[in-house]
Each structure stands twice: as C-alpha cells, then as structure tokens.
C-alpha cells in the first residue's frame, strides 16, 4: 500500500499488538479486531509522524520504502 508517497508493507505475522506505533500516529494506524496493526488512513498523512510510528515498532512489523525504492524502515 502507499501512504504519503511511501510504499508500506506490514508483516502481520510479526505484530504482537504492543501499540507503540498507535500513540504516535493516531488516526493513521489502528489495531484491527484481530489485534494486528493496520493502516486506516492513506491520504493527507503526516509523513514524518508516520515514519516515526513505523520506526518504534519493537518487532519491525513495517517495511517502508521511499519513492525511489530505498528502504527507510527498518534501518
């Protein structure tokens, strides 16, 4: 999926529902009924807040690539 020009992949098998990301990007990320993180907003997203939210995941659920395909997260 694409969020603010960033390609985002979520490894659902890794998500343990720690919720570290949710406090940084409320309204962008949420936990589904299954307790797994999901993106709930892709338009008009604060890119820096989204990147910070993805970077705090203790189990590296998120892989984020920039517009040129360079991996930003995990670093």
C-alpha atoms as a PDB file:
ATOM      1  CA  UNK A   1       0.000   0.000   0.000  1.00  0.00           C
ATOM      2  CA  UNK A   2       1.074   3.610  -0.474  1.00  0.00           C
ATOM      3  CA  UNK A   3       0.908   6.159   2.350  1.00  0.00           C
ATOM      4  CA  UNK A   4       2.016   9.736   1.576  1.00  0.00           C
ATOM      5  CA  UNK A   5       4.152   8.508  -1.313  1.00  0.00           C
ATOM      6  CA  UNK A   6       5.778   5.791   0.799  1.00  0.00           C
ATOM      7  CA  UNK A   7       5.364   2.114  -0.024  1.00  0.00           C
ATOM      8  CA  UNK A   8       4.435   0.246   3.145  1.00  0.00           C
ATOM      9  CA  UNK A   9       4.408  -3.473   3.828  1.00  0.00           C
ATOM     10  CA  UNK A  10       3.132  -4.852   7.128  1.00  0.00           C
ATOM     11  CA  UNK A  11       4.278  -8.287   8.226  1.00  0.00           C
ATOM     12  CA  UNK A  12       1.113  -9.340  10.026  1.00  0.00           C
ATOM     13  CA  UNK A  13       2.784 -12.496  11.334  1.00  0.00           C
ATOM     14  CA  UNK A  14       5.192 -10.391  13.435  1.00  0.00           C
ATOM     15  CA  UNK A  15       2.720  -7.962  15.018  1.00  0.00           C
ATOM     16  CA  UNK A  16       2.321  -8.641  18.732  1.00  0.00           C
ATOM     17  CA  UNK A  17      -0.034  -5.727  19.400  1.00  0.00           C
ATOM     18  CA  UNK A  18       2.372  -3.703  21.558  1.00  0.00           C
ATOM     19  CA  UNK A  19       0.657  -0.496  20.307  1.00  0.00           C
ATOM     20  CA  UNK A  20       3.847   1.604  20.391  1.00  0.00           C
ATOM     21  CA  UNK A  21       3.027   2.912  16.921  1.00  0.00           C
ATOM     22  CA  UNK A  22      -0.549   3.907  17.728  1.00  0.00           C
ATOM     23  CA  UNK A  23       0.315   6.719  20.125  1.00  0.00           C
ATOM     24  CA  UNK A  24       2.497   8.427  17.541  1.00  0.00           C
ATOM     25  CA  UNK A  25       0.163   8.109  14.572  1.00  0.00           C
ATOM     26  CA  UNK A  26      -3.418   8.133  15.870  1.00  0.00           C
ATOM     27  CA  UNK A  27      -5.892   8.233  13.032  1.00  0.00           C
ATOM     28  CA  UNK A  28      -3.358   6.664  10.676  1.00  0.00           C
ATOM     29  CA  UNK A  29      -2.739   3.316  12.362  1.00  0.00           C
ATOM     30  CA  UNK A  30      -5.058   1.206  14.460  1.00  0.00           C
ATOM     31  CA  UNK A  31      -5.417  -2.359  15.642  1.00  0.00           C
ATOM     32  CA  UNK A  32      -7.967  -4.496  13.880  1.00  0.00           C
ATOM     33  CA  UNK A  33     -10.378  -6.812  15.663  1.00  0.00           C
ATOM     34  CA  UNK A  34      -7.654  -9.459  15.429  1.00  0.00           C
ATOM     35  CA  UNK A  35      -5.225  -7.280  17.425  1.00  0.00           C
ATOM     36  CA  UNK A  36      -2.959  -6.723  14.416  1.00  0.00           C
ATOM     37  CA  UNK A  37      -1.887  -3.254  13.291  1.00  0.00           C
ATOM     38  CA  UNK A  38      -3.435  -1.852  10.134  1.00  0.00           C
ATOM     39  CA  UNK A  39      -3.312   1.413   8.216  1.00  0.00           C
ATOM     40  CA  UNK A  40      -6.647   3.198   8.413  1.00  0.00           C
ATOM     41  CA  UNK A  41      -5.727   6.395   6.540  1.00  0.00           C
ATOM     42  CA  UNK A  42      -3.532   6.822   3.466  1.00  0.00           C
ATOM     43  CA  UNK A  43      -4.439  10.326   2.262  1.00  0.00           C
ATOM     44  CA  UNK A  44      -3.130  13.553   3.789  1.00  0.00           C
ATOM     45  CA  UNK A  45      -0.978  11.690   6.295  1.00  0.00           C
ATOM     46  CA  UNK A  46       1.795  13.472   8.231  1.00  0.00           C
ATOM     47  CA  UNK A  47       4.729  11.676   6.641  1.00  0.00           C
ATOM     48  CA  UNK A  48       7.190  12.314   9.481  1.00  0.00           C
ATOM     49  CA  UNK A  49       4.737  11.127  12.145  1.00  0.00           C
ATOM     50  CA  UNK A  50       4.032   8.020  10.086  1.00  0.00           C
ATOM     51  CA  UNK A  51       7.744   7.245   9.680  1.00  0.00           C
ATOM     52  CA  UNK A  52       8.331   7.738  13.395  1.00  0.00           C
ATOM     53  CA  UNK A  53       5.402   5.464  14.235  1.00  0.00           C
ATOM     54  CA  UNK A  54       6.747   2.736  11.964  1.00  0.00           C
ATOM     55  CA  UNK A  55      10.266   3.075  13.353  1.00  0.00           C
ATOM     56  CA  UNK A  56       9.275   2.491  17.004  1.00  0.00           C
ATOM     57  CA  UNK A  57       7.877  -0.982  16.398  1.00  0.00           C
ATOM     58  CA  UNK A  58       9.913  -3.329  18.613  1.00  0.00           C
ATOM     59  CA  UNK A  59       9.442  -6.272  16.240  1.00  0.00           C
ATOM     60  CA  UNK A  60       9.926  -4.441  12.904  1.00  0.00           C
ATOM     61  CA  UNK A  61       6.466  -5.127  11.534  1.00  0.00           C
ATOM     62  CA  UNK A  62       6.803  -2.317   8.979  1.00  0.00           C
ATOM     63  CA  UNK A  63       8.948  -2.160   5.869  1.00  0.00           C
ATOM     64  CA  UNK A  64       8.801   1.337   4.393  1.00  0.00           C
ATOM     65  CA  UNK A  65      10.313   2.328   1.049  1.00  0.00           C
ATOM     66  CA  UNK A  66      10.632   5.833  -0.355  1.00  0.00           C
ATOM     67  CA  UNK A  67       9.571   6.886  -3.847  1.00  0.00           C
ATOM     68  CA  UNK A  68      12.847   5.599  -5.301  1.00  0.00           C
ATOM     69  CA  UNK A  69      12.540   2.194  -3.642  1.00  0.00           C
ATOM     70  CA  UNK A  70      15.126   2.870  -0.926  1.00  0.00           C
ATOM     71  CA  UNK A  71      14.334   1.180   2.365  1.00  0.00           C
ATOM     72  CA  UNK A  72      13.753   3.714   5.145  1.00  0.00           C
ATOM     73  CA  UNK A  73      12.420   1.340   7.807  1.00  0.00           C
ATOM     74  CA  UNK A  74      13.757  -0.810   9.302  1.00  0.00           C
ATOM     75  CA  UNK A  75      17.093   0.954   9.106  1.00  0.00           C
END
